[in-house]
Amino acid sequence: MAEQLWFKTLTLEQLRQLYPAGMADYLGIELTELGPDYLRGTLPVCERTRQPMGLLHGGANVVLAETLGSIAANLCIDTDVYYALGQEINANHLRAVGEGKVTGTAKPVHLGRTTQVWDIRIEDAHGRLSCISRITMAVLQREPQTGPL
């Protein structure tokens, strides 16, 4: 069994409440599984996520990858002291997907003091790899609170 790497133990419902709105919500991204060393979510292939040729838009893959990588990165740190922001992301689109859902799984490659690197594998409904992405996250220290402005 993999070692638990999350700073806090949260349920999927608690995670969904922390990230309720925005682009991921608009595109229909759903968090589906929080394992001991991975975060998984799905993205529907629908009118909001297709490109003009009727296939899943590559940018939608990147939104799924960045959503999973960013949430996972922040789960690994004490967010009262630190926060993680995307620094660089890349994606290789390997297989076209025209319908159904894709599932992304984010797993860490490197968890450092100031940077994290996450691998996100996106598969179609048949388990075939359709996209592989890597995101580098900067881990920054929060500014101390000095009181009301």
N, C-alpha and C. Protein backbone atom coordinates (compact mmCIF):
# COMPACT_ATOMS: atom_id res chain seq x y z
N MET A 1 0.84 -1.19 0.00
CA MET A 1 0.00 0.00 0.00
C MET A 1 0.88 1.25 0.00
N ALA A 2 0.48 2.25 -0.76
CA ALA A 2 1.24 3.49 -0.88
C ALA A 2 1.14 4.30 0.41
N GLU A 3 2.18 5.08 0.66
CA GLU A 3 2.21 5.94 1.84
C GLU A 3 1.26 7.13 1.65
N GLN A 4 0.51 7.44 2.70
CA GLN A 4 -0.40 8.59 2.68
C GLN A 4 0.44 9.87 2.60
N LEU A 5 0.17 10.73 1.64
CA LEU A 5 0.96 11.95 1.54
C LEU A 5 0.19 13.22 1.81
N TRP A 6 -1.09 13.12 2.12
CA TRP A 6 -1.90 14.32 2.34
C TRP A 6 -1.64 14.90 3.72
N PHE A 7 -1.54 16.23 3.79
CA PHE A 7 -1.31 16.92 5.06
C PHE A 7 -2.52 16.79 5.98
N LYS A 8 -3.71 16.94 5.41
CA LYS A 8 -4.96 16.78 6.16
C LYS A 8 -5.77 15.65 5.54
N THR A 9 -6.52 14.97 6.37
CA THR A 9 -7.42 13.94 5.87
C THR A 9 -8.77 14.59 5.59
N LEU A 10 -9.17 14.59 4.32
CA LEU A 10 -10.44 15.17 3.90
C LEU A 10 -11.24 14.13 3.13
N THR A 11 -12.54 14.27 3.17
CA THR A 11 -13.40 13.43 2.35
C THR A 11 -13.56 14.11 0.99
N LEU A 12 -14.06 13.35 0.02
CA LEU A 12 -14.33 13.95 -1.29
C LEU A 12 -15.36 15.07 -1.18
N GLU A 13 -16.36 14.90 -0.33
CA GLU A 13 -17.38 15.94 -0.16
C GLU A 13 -16.75 17.22 0.40
N GLN A 14 -15.84 17.10 1.36
CA GLN A 14 -15.16 18.29 1.89
C GLN A 14 -14.32 18.95 0.80
N LEU A 15 -13.66 18.14 -0.03
CA LEU A 15 -12.88 18.69 -1.14
C LEU A 15 -13.78 19.44 -2.12
N ARG A 16 -14.91 18.85 -2.45
CA ARG A 16 -15.84 19.49 -3.39
C ARG A 16 -16.32 20.83 -2.84
N GLN A 17 -16.51 20.93 -1.54
CA GLN A 17 -16.95 22.19 -0.94
C GLN A 17 -15.85 23.23 -0.96
N LEU A 18 -14.59 22.81 -0.89
CA LEU A 18 -13.48 23.75 -0.95
C LEU A 18 -13.29 24.34 -2.35
N TYR A 19 -13.68 23.59 -3.39
CA TYR A 19 -13.49 24.01 -4.77
C TYR A 19 -14.83 23.94 -5.52
N PRO A 20 -15.83 24.74 -5.11
CA PRO A 20 -17.18 24.57 -5.65
C PRO A 20 -17.46 25.21 -7.00
N ALA A 21 -16.75 26.25 -7.39
CA ALA A 21 -17.14 26.98 -8.60
C ALA A 21 -15.91 27.27 -9.45
N GLY A 22 -16.15 27.90 -10.58
CA GLY A 22 -15.07 28.28 -11.47
C GLY A 22 -15.07 27.45 -12.74
N MET A 23 -13.96 27.50 -13.46
CA MET A 23 -13.87 26.83 -14.75
C MET A 23 -14.11 25.33 -14.63
N ALA A 24 -13.52 24.69 -13.64
CA ALA A 24 -13.68 23.24 -13.48
C ALA A 24 -15.16 22.88 -13.31
N ASP A 25 -15.87 23.66 -12.54
CA ASP A 25 -17.30 23.43 -12.33
C ASP A 25 -18.06 23.63 -13.63
N TYR A 26 -17.74 24.70 -14.36
CA TYR A 26 -18.42 24.98 -15.63
C TYR A 26 -18.22 23.83 -16.63
N LEU A 27 -17.02 23.28 -16.68
CA LEU A 27 -16.74 22.20 -17.63
C LEU A 27 -17.28 20.85 -17.16
N GLY A 28 -17.70 20.76 -15.91
CA GLY A 28 -18.27 19.52 -15.40
C GLY A 28 -17.27 18.57 -14.78
N ILE A 29 -16.11 19.09 -14.39
CA ILE A 29 -15.10 18.25 -13.74
C ILE A 29 -15.63 17.83 -12.37
N GLU A 30 -15.50 16.54 -12.08
CA GLU A 30 -15.91 16.00 -10.78
C GLU A 30 -14.75 15.27 -10.15
N LEU A 31 -14.51 15.54 -8.88
CA LEU A 31 -13.52 14.77 -8.12
C LEU A 31 -14.18 13.45 -7.76
N THR A 32 -13.52 12.34 -8.04
CA THR A 32 -14.16 11.04 -7.85
C THR A 32 -13.46 10.13 -6.86
N GLU A 33 -12.16 10.34 -6.62
CA GLU A 33 -11.45 9.44 -5.71
C GLU A 33 -10.21 10.12 -5.16
N LEU A 34 -10.04 9.98 -3.86
CA LEU A 34 -8.84 10.47 -3.18
C LEU A 34 -8.17 9.25 -2.55
N GLY A 35 -7.13 8.77 -3.20
CA GLY A 35 -6.40 7.61 -2.69
C GLY A 35 -5.27 8.04 -1.79
N PRO A 36 -4.47 7.11 -1.30
CA PRO A 36 -3.39 7.46 -0.38
C PRO A 36 -2.29 8.30 -1.04
N ASP A 37 -2.15 8.19 -2.37
CA ASP A 37 -1.11 8.95 -3.07
C ASP A 37 -1.57 9.45 -4.44
N TYR A 38 -2.87 9.63 -4.62
CA TYR A 38 -3.38 10.12 -5.90
C TYR A 38 -4.73 10.79 -5.71
N LEU A 39 -5.05 11.65 -6.69
CA LEU A 39 -6.36 12.28 -6.77
C LEU A 39 -6.90 11.99 -8.16
N ARG A 40 -8.17 11.59 -8.23
CA ARG A 40 -8.78 11.23 -9.51
C ARG A 40 -10.03 12.06 -9.74
N GLY A 41 -10.26 12.40 -11.00
CA GLY A 41 -11.47 13.14 -11.37
C GLY A 41 -11.85 12.87 -12.81
N THR A 42 -13.09 13.23 -13.15
CA THR A 42 -13.59 12.99 -14.50
C THR A 42 -13.98 14.30 -15.17
N LEU A 43 -14.04 14.23 -16.49
CA LEU A 43 -14.45 15.35 -17.33
C LEU A 43 -15.36 14.79 -18.42
N PRO A 44 -16.58 15.33 -18.56
CA PRO A 44 -17.45 14.84 -19.63
C PRO A 44 -16.99 15.36 -20.99
N VAL A 45 -17.19 14.54 -22.02
CA VAL A 45 -16.96 14.99 -23.39
C VAL A 45 -18.34 15.42 -23.89
N CYS A 46 -18.55 16.74 -23.97
CA CYS A 46 -19.88 17.28 -24.27
C CYS A 46 -19.71 18.61 -25.02
N GLU A 47 -20.81 19.31 -25.23
CA GLU A 47 -20.77 20.56 -25.99
C GLU A 47 -19.83 21.60 -25.38
N ARG A 48 -19.64 21.59 -24.06
CA ARG A 48 -18.75 22.56 -23.42
C ARG A 48 -17.28 22.21 -23.58
N THR A 49 -16.97 20.93 -23.88
CA THR A 49 -15.57 20.49 -23.87
C THR A 49 -15.06 20.02 -25.22
N ARG A 50 -15.91 20.05 -26.25
CA ARG A 50 -15.48 19.61 -27.59
C ARG A 50 -14.95 20.78 -28.41
N GLN A 51 -14.03 20.47 -29.31
CA GLN A 51 -13.55 21.44 -30.30
C GLN A 51 -14.41 21.31 -31.56
N PRO A 52 -14.22 22.17 -32.56
CA PRO A 52 -15.10 22.18 -33.75
C PRO A 52 -15.20 20.85 -34.50
N MET A 53 -14.20 19.98 -34.40
CA MET A 53 -14.25 18.69 -35.09
C MET A 53 -15.05 17.65 -34.31
N GLY A 54 -15.60 18.04 -33.16
CA GLY A 54 -16.42 17.14 -32.36
C GLY A 54 -15.65 16.27 -31.40
N LEU A 55 -14.37 16.56 -31.22
CA LEU A 55 -13.51 15.78 -30.32
C LEU A 55 -13.21 16.59 -29.06
N LEU A 56 -12.82 15.89 -28.01
CA LEU A 56 -12.44 16.57 -26.77
C LEU A 56 -11.35 17.60 -27.05
N HIS A 57 -11.56 18.81 -26.62
CA HIS A 57 -10.62 19.91 -26.82
C HIS A 57 -9.37 19.66 -25.97
N GLY A 58 -8.22 19.86 -26.58
CA GLY A 58 -6.96 19.68 -25.84
C GLY A 58 -6.87 20.59 -24.63
N GLY A 59 -7.43 21.79 -24.74
CA GLY A 59 -7.42 22.71 -23.61
C GLY A 59 -8.24 22.20 -22.45
N ALA A 60 -9.31 21.45 -22.74
CA ALA A 60 -10.12 20.86 -21.67
C ALA A 60 -9.30 19.81 -20.92
N ASN A 61 -8.49 19.03 -21.66
CA ASN A 61 -7.58 18.09 -21.00
C ASN A 61 -6.65 18.83 -20.04
N VAL A 62 -6.14 19.96 -20.48
CA VAL A 62 -5.20 20.73 -19.65
C VAL A 62 -5.92 21.29 -18.42
N VAL A 63 -7.18 21.73 -18.58
CA VAL A 63 -7.94 22.21 -17.41
C VAL A 63 -8.13 21.08 -16.41
N LEU A 64 -8.45 19.88 -16.89
CA LEU A 64 -8.59 18.74 -15.98
C LEU A 64 -7.26 18.46 -15.28
N ALA A 65 -6.17 18.44 -16.03
CA ALA A 65 -4.86 18.17 -15.45
C ALA A 65 -4.47 19.22 -14.42
N GLU A 66 -4.66 20.49 -14.76
CA GLU A 66 -4.28 21.55 -13.82
C GLU A 66 -5.17 21.54 -12.58
N THR A 67 -6.44 21.25 -12.74
CA THR A 67 -7.34 21.17 -11.60
C THR A 67 -6.89 20.08 -10.64
N LEU A 68 -6.65 18.89 -11.16
CA LEU A 68 -6.24 17.77 -10.29
C LEU A 68 -4.87 18.02 -9.67
N GLY A 69 -3.92 18.49 -10.48
CA GLY A 69 -2.57 18.74 -9.96
C GLY A 69 -2.54 19.84 -8.91
N SER A 70 -3.31 20.91 -9.14
CA SER A 70 -3.32 22.02 -8.19
C SER A 70 -3.97 21.63 -6.87
N ILE A 71 -5.09 20.95 -6.94
CA ILE A 71 -5.76 20.53 -5.70
C ILE A 71 -4.86 19.56 -4.95
N ALA A 72 -4.31 18.57 -5.65
CA ALA A 72 -3.45 17.59 -4.99
C ALA A 72 -2.24 18.25 -4.35
N ALA A 73 -1.62 19.20 -5.05
CA ALA A 73 -0.45 19.88 -4.50
C ALA A 73 -0.78 20.60 -3.20
N ASN A 74 -1.93 21.26 -3.16
CA ASN A 74 -2.31 21.99 -1.95
C ASN A 74 -2.74 21.05 -0.83
N LEU A 75 -3.14 19.83 -1.16
CA LEU A 75 -3.47 18.86 -0.12
C LEU A 75 -2.23 18.34 0.60
N CYS A 76 -1.06 18.50 -0.01
CA CYS A 76 0.19 17.98 0.56
C CYS A 76 0.89 18.96 1.49
N ILE A 77 0.35 20.15 1.64
CA ILE A 77 1.04 21.17 2.42
C ILE A 77 0.10 21.76 3.47
N ASP A 78 0.69 22.41 4.45
CA ASP A 78 -0.09 23.12 5.47
C ASP A 78 -0.54 24.44 4.84
N THR A 79 -1.80 24.50 4.41
CA THR A 79 -2.28 25.69 3.70
C THR A 79 -2.51 26.89 4.61
N ASP A 80 -2.32 26.73 5.92
CA ASP A 80 -2.31 27.90 6.80
C ASP A 80 -0.99 28.65 6.67
N VAL A 81 0.05 27.96 6.21
CA VAL A 81 1.39 28.54 6.11
C VAL A 81 1.84 28.70 4.65
N TYR A 82 1.45 27.77 3.79
CA TYR A 82 1.91 27.74 2.40
C TYR A 82 0.73 27.66 1.43
N TYR A 83 1.01 27.94 0.17
CA TYR A 83 0.06 27.68 -0.91
C TYR A 83 0.86 27.29 -2.14
N ALA A 84 0.24 26.50 -3.00
CA ALA A 84 0.91 26.04 -4.21
C ALA A 84 0.18 26.60 -5.43
N LEU A 85 0.97 27.13 -6.37
CA LEU A 85 0.44 27.70 -7.61
C LEU A 85 1.12 27.05 -8.80
N GLY A 86 0.37 26.88 -9.87
CA GLY A 86 0.94 26.32 -11.09
C GLY A 86 2.01 27.21 -11.67
N GLN A 87 3.13 26.60 -12.04
CA GLN A 87 4.26 27.33 -12.60
C GLN A 87 4.45 26.99 -14.08
N GLU A 88 4.20 25.72 -14.43
CA GLU A 88 4.34 25.27 -15.81
C GLU A 88 3.51 24.01 -15.98
N ILE A 89 2.88 23.89 -17.14
CA ILE A 89 2.13 22.67 -17.45
C ILE A 89 2.36 22.32 -18.91
N ASN A 90 2.42 21.02 -19.18
CA ASN A 90 2.48 20.57 -20.56
C ASN A 90 1.57 19.38 -20.72
N ALA A 91 1.21 19.10 -21.95
CA ALA A 91 0.31 17.98 -22.23
C ALA A 91 0.63 17.39 -23.59
N ASN A 92 0.62 16.08 -23.65
CA ASN A 92 0.74 15.36 -24.91
C ASN A 92 -0.59 14.67 -25.15
N HIS A 93 -1.26 15.03 -26.23
CA HIS A 93 -2.56 14.45 -26.58
C HIS A 93 -2.29 13.24 -27.47
N LEU A 94 -2.66 12.06 -26.98
CA LEU A 94 -2.26 10.81 -27.61
C LEU A 94 -3.38 10.10 -28.36
N ARG A 95 -4.63 10.30 -27.92
CA ARG A 95 -5.76 9.59 -28.53
C ARG A 95 -6.96 10.52 -28.49
N ALA A 96 -7.65 10.65 -29.62
CA ALA A 96 -8.85 11.48 -29.69
C ALA A 96 -10.00 10.79 -28.94
N VAL A 97 -10.82 11.61 -28.29
CA VAL A 97 -11.99 11.11 -27.58
C VAL A 97 -13.18 11.94 -28.05
N GLY A 98 -14.24 11.27 -28.51
CA GLY A 98 -15.39 11.97 -29.06
C GLY A 98 -16.63 11.93 -28.20
N GLU A 99 -16.67 11.03 -27.23
CA GLU A 99 -17.87 10.93 -26.39
C GLU A 99 -17.52 10.29 -25.05
N GLY A 100 -18.48 10.35 -24.14
CA GLY A 100 -18.31 9.73 -22.83
C GLY A 100 -17.65 10.65 -21.84
N LYS A 101 -16.78 10.08 -21.05
CA LYS A 101 -16.02 10.82 -20.04
C LYS A 101 -14.57 10.40 -20.12
N VAL A 102 -13.70 11.30 -19.71
CA VAL A 102 -12.30 10.94 -19.50
C VAL A 102 -12.03 11.02 -18.01
N THR A 103 -11.07 10.22 -17.57
CA THR A 103 -10.70 10.19 -16.16
C THR A 103 -9.23 10.53 -16.02
N GLY A 104 -8.95 11.50 -15.17
CA GLY A 104 -7.57 11.90 -14.91
C GLY A 104 -7.14 11.44 -13.54
N THR A 105 -5.89 11.01 -13.44
CA THR A 105 -5.31 10.59 -12.16
C THR A 105 -4.01 11.34 -11.96
N ALA A 106 -3.94 12.12 -10.88
CA ALA A 106 -2.74 12.90 -10.53
C ALA A 106 -1.94 12.16 -9.47
N LYS A 107 -0.65 11.97 -9.75
CA LYS A 107 0.27 11.33 -8.81
C LYS A 107 1.54 12.17 -8.75
N PRO A 108 2.16 12.25 -7.57
CA PRO A 108 3.36 13.07 -7.46
C PRO A 108 4.58 12.40 -8.10
N VAL A 109 5.42 13.24 -8.69
CA VAL A 109 6.72 12.83 -9.19
C VAL A 109 7.78 13.33 -8.22
N HIS A 110 7.57 14.55 -7.71
CA HIS A 110 8.53 15.19 -6.79
C HIS A 110 7.75 16.09 -5.84
N LEU A 111 7.99 15.93 -4.54
CA LEU A 111 7.38 16.80 -3.53
C LEU A 111 8.50 17.46 -2.74
N GLY A 112 8.92 18.63 -3.22
CA GLY A 112 10.01 19.35 -2.57
C GLY A 112 9.49 20.46 -1.67
N ARG A 113 10.43 21.14 -1.06
CA ARG A 113 10.09 22.23 -0.14
C ARG A 113 9.52 23.43 -0.88
N THR A 114 10.03 23.72 -2.08
CA THR A 114 9.58 24.90 -2.82
C THR A 114 8.95 24.57 -4.17
N THR A 115 9.06 23.33 -4.62
CA THR A 115 8.40 22.93 -5.86
C THR A 115 7.83 21.51 -5.72
N GLN A 116 6.81 21.28 -6.51
CA GLN A 116 6.24 19.95 -6.65
C GLN A 116 6.04 19.70 -8.14
N VAL A 117 6.19 18.44 -8.54
CA VAL A 117 5.91 18.04 -9.92
C VAL A 117 4.91 16.90 -9.86
N TRP A 118 3.83 17.03 -10.64
CA TRP A 118 2.75 16.04 -10.68
C TRP A 118 2.57 15.51 -12.09
N ASP A 119 2.33 14.22 -12.19
CA ASP A 119 2.03 13.54 -13.43
C ASP A 119 0.52 13.28 -13.46
N ILE A 120 -0.14 13.67 -14.53
CA ILE A 120 -1.58 13.45 -14.66
C ILE A 120 -1.82 12.63 -15.93
N ARG A 121 -2.35 11.43 -15.74
CA ARG A 121 -2.67 10.54 -16.86
C ARG A 121 -4.17 10.59 -17.09
N ILE A 122 -4.57 10.89 -18.31
CA ILE A 122 -5.99 11.00 -18.66
C ILE A 122 -6.34 9.85 -19.60
N GLU A 123 -7.37 9.08 -19.19
CA GLU A 123 -7.78 7.91 -19.96
C GLU A 123 -9.22 8.04 -20.41
N ASP A 124 -9.55 7.38 -21.53
CA ASP A 124 -10.93 7.37 -22.01
C ASP A 124 -11.73 6.34 -21.21
N ALA A 125 -13.00 6.18 -21.57
CA ALA A 125 -13.88 5.27 -20.83
C ALA A 125 -13.46 3.81 -20.93
N HIS A 126 -12.58 3.48 -21.88
CA HIS A 126 -12.10 2.11 -22.05
C HIS A 126 -10.73 1.91 -21.41
N GLY A 127 -10.26 2.91 -20.66
CA GLY A 127 -8.97 2.79 -19.98
C GLY A 127 -7.77 3.04 -20.87
N ARG A 128 -8.01 3.58 -22.08
CA ARG A 128 -6.91 3.87 -23.00
C ARG A 128 -6.37 5.27 -22.73
N LEU A 129 -5.07 5.38 -22.68
CA LEU A 129 -4.42 6.66 -22.42
C LEU A 129 -4.71 7.62 -23.57
N SER A 130 -5.31 8.78 -23.23
CA SER A 130 -5.61 9.77 -24.26
C SER A 130 -4.75 11.02 -24.13
N CYS A 131 -4.24 11.28 -22.93
CA CYS A 131 -3.40 12.46 -22.70
C CYS A 131 -2.52 12.21 -21.49
N ILE A 132 -1.32 12.69 -21.56
CA ILE A 132 -0.45 12.67 -20.39
C ILE A 132 0.05 14.09 -20.18
N SER A 133 -0.02 14.55 -18.95
CA SER A 133 0.33 15.93 -18.63
C SER A 133 1.24 15.94 -17.42
N ARG A 134 2.04 16.99 -17.33
CA ARG A 134 2.89 17.19 -16.15
C ARG A 134 2.77 18.65 -15.76
N ILE A 135 2.59 18.87 -14.45
CA ILE A 135 2.49 20.23 -13.94
C ILE A 135 3.55 20.44 -12.86
N THR A 136 4.20 21.58 -12.92
CA THR A 136 5.14 21.99 -11.88
C THR A 136 4.46 23.06 -11.05
N MET A 137 4.47 22.85 -9.74
CA MET A 137 3.83 23.76 -8.81
C MET A 137 4.89 24.48 -7.96
N ALA A 138 4.74 25.78 -7.80
CA ALA A 138 5.58 26.54 -6.88
C ALA A 138 4.91 26.52 -5.52
N VAL A 139 5.67 26.21 -4.48
CA VAL A 139 5.15 26.23 -3.11
C VAL A 139 5.66 27.51 -2.47
N LEU A 140 4.73 28.40 -2.11
CA LEU A 140 5.06 29.72 -1.58
C LEU A 140 4.56 29.87 -0.16
N GLN A 141 5.30 30.66 0.61
CA GLN A 141 4.88 30.92 1.99
C GLN A 141 3.89 32.08 2.00
N ARG A 142 2.85 31.92 2.79
CA ARG A 142 1.86 32.99 2.93
C ARG A 142 2.47 34.15 3.70
N GLU A 143 2.04 35.35 3.36
CA GLU A 143 2.47 36.54 4.10
C GLU A 143 1.82 36.52 5.47
N PRO A 144 2.56 36.90 6.52
CA PRO A 144 1.94 36.94 7.85
C PRO A 144 0.83 37.97 7.89
N GLN A 145 -0.25 37.63 8.57
CA GLN A 145 -1.38 38.55 8.72
C GLN A 145 -1.03 39.58 9.79
N THR A 146 -1.18 40.85 9.44
CA THR A 146 -0.84 41.93 10.38
C THR A 146 -2.08 42.63 10.93
N GLY A 147 -3.24 42.10 10.62
CA GLY A 147 -4.47 42.73 11.11
C GLY A 147 -5.26 43.32 9.97
N PRO A 148 -6.41 43.92 10.29
CA PRO A 148 -7.26 44.48 9.25
C PRO A 148 -6.59 45.65 8.54
N LEU A 149 -6.95 45.83 7.28
CA LEU A 149 -6.36 46.93 6.49
C LEU A 149 -6.87 48.25 6.93
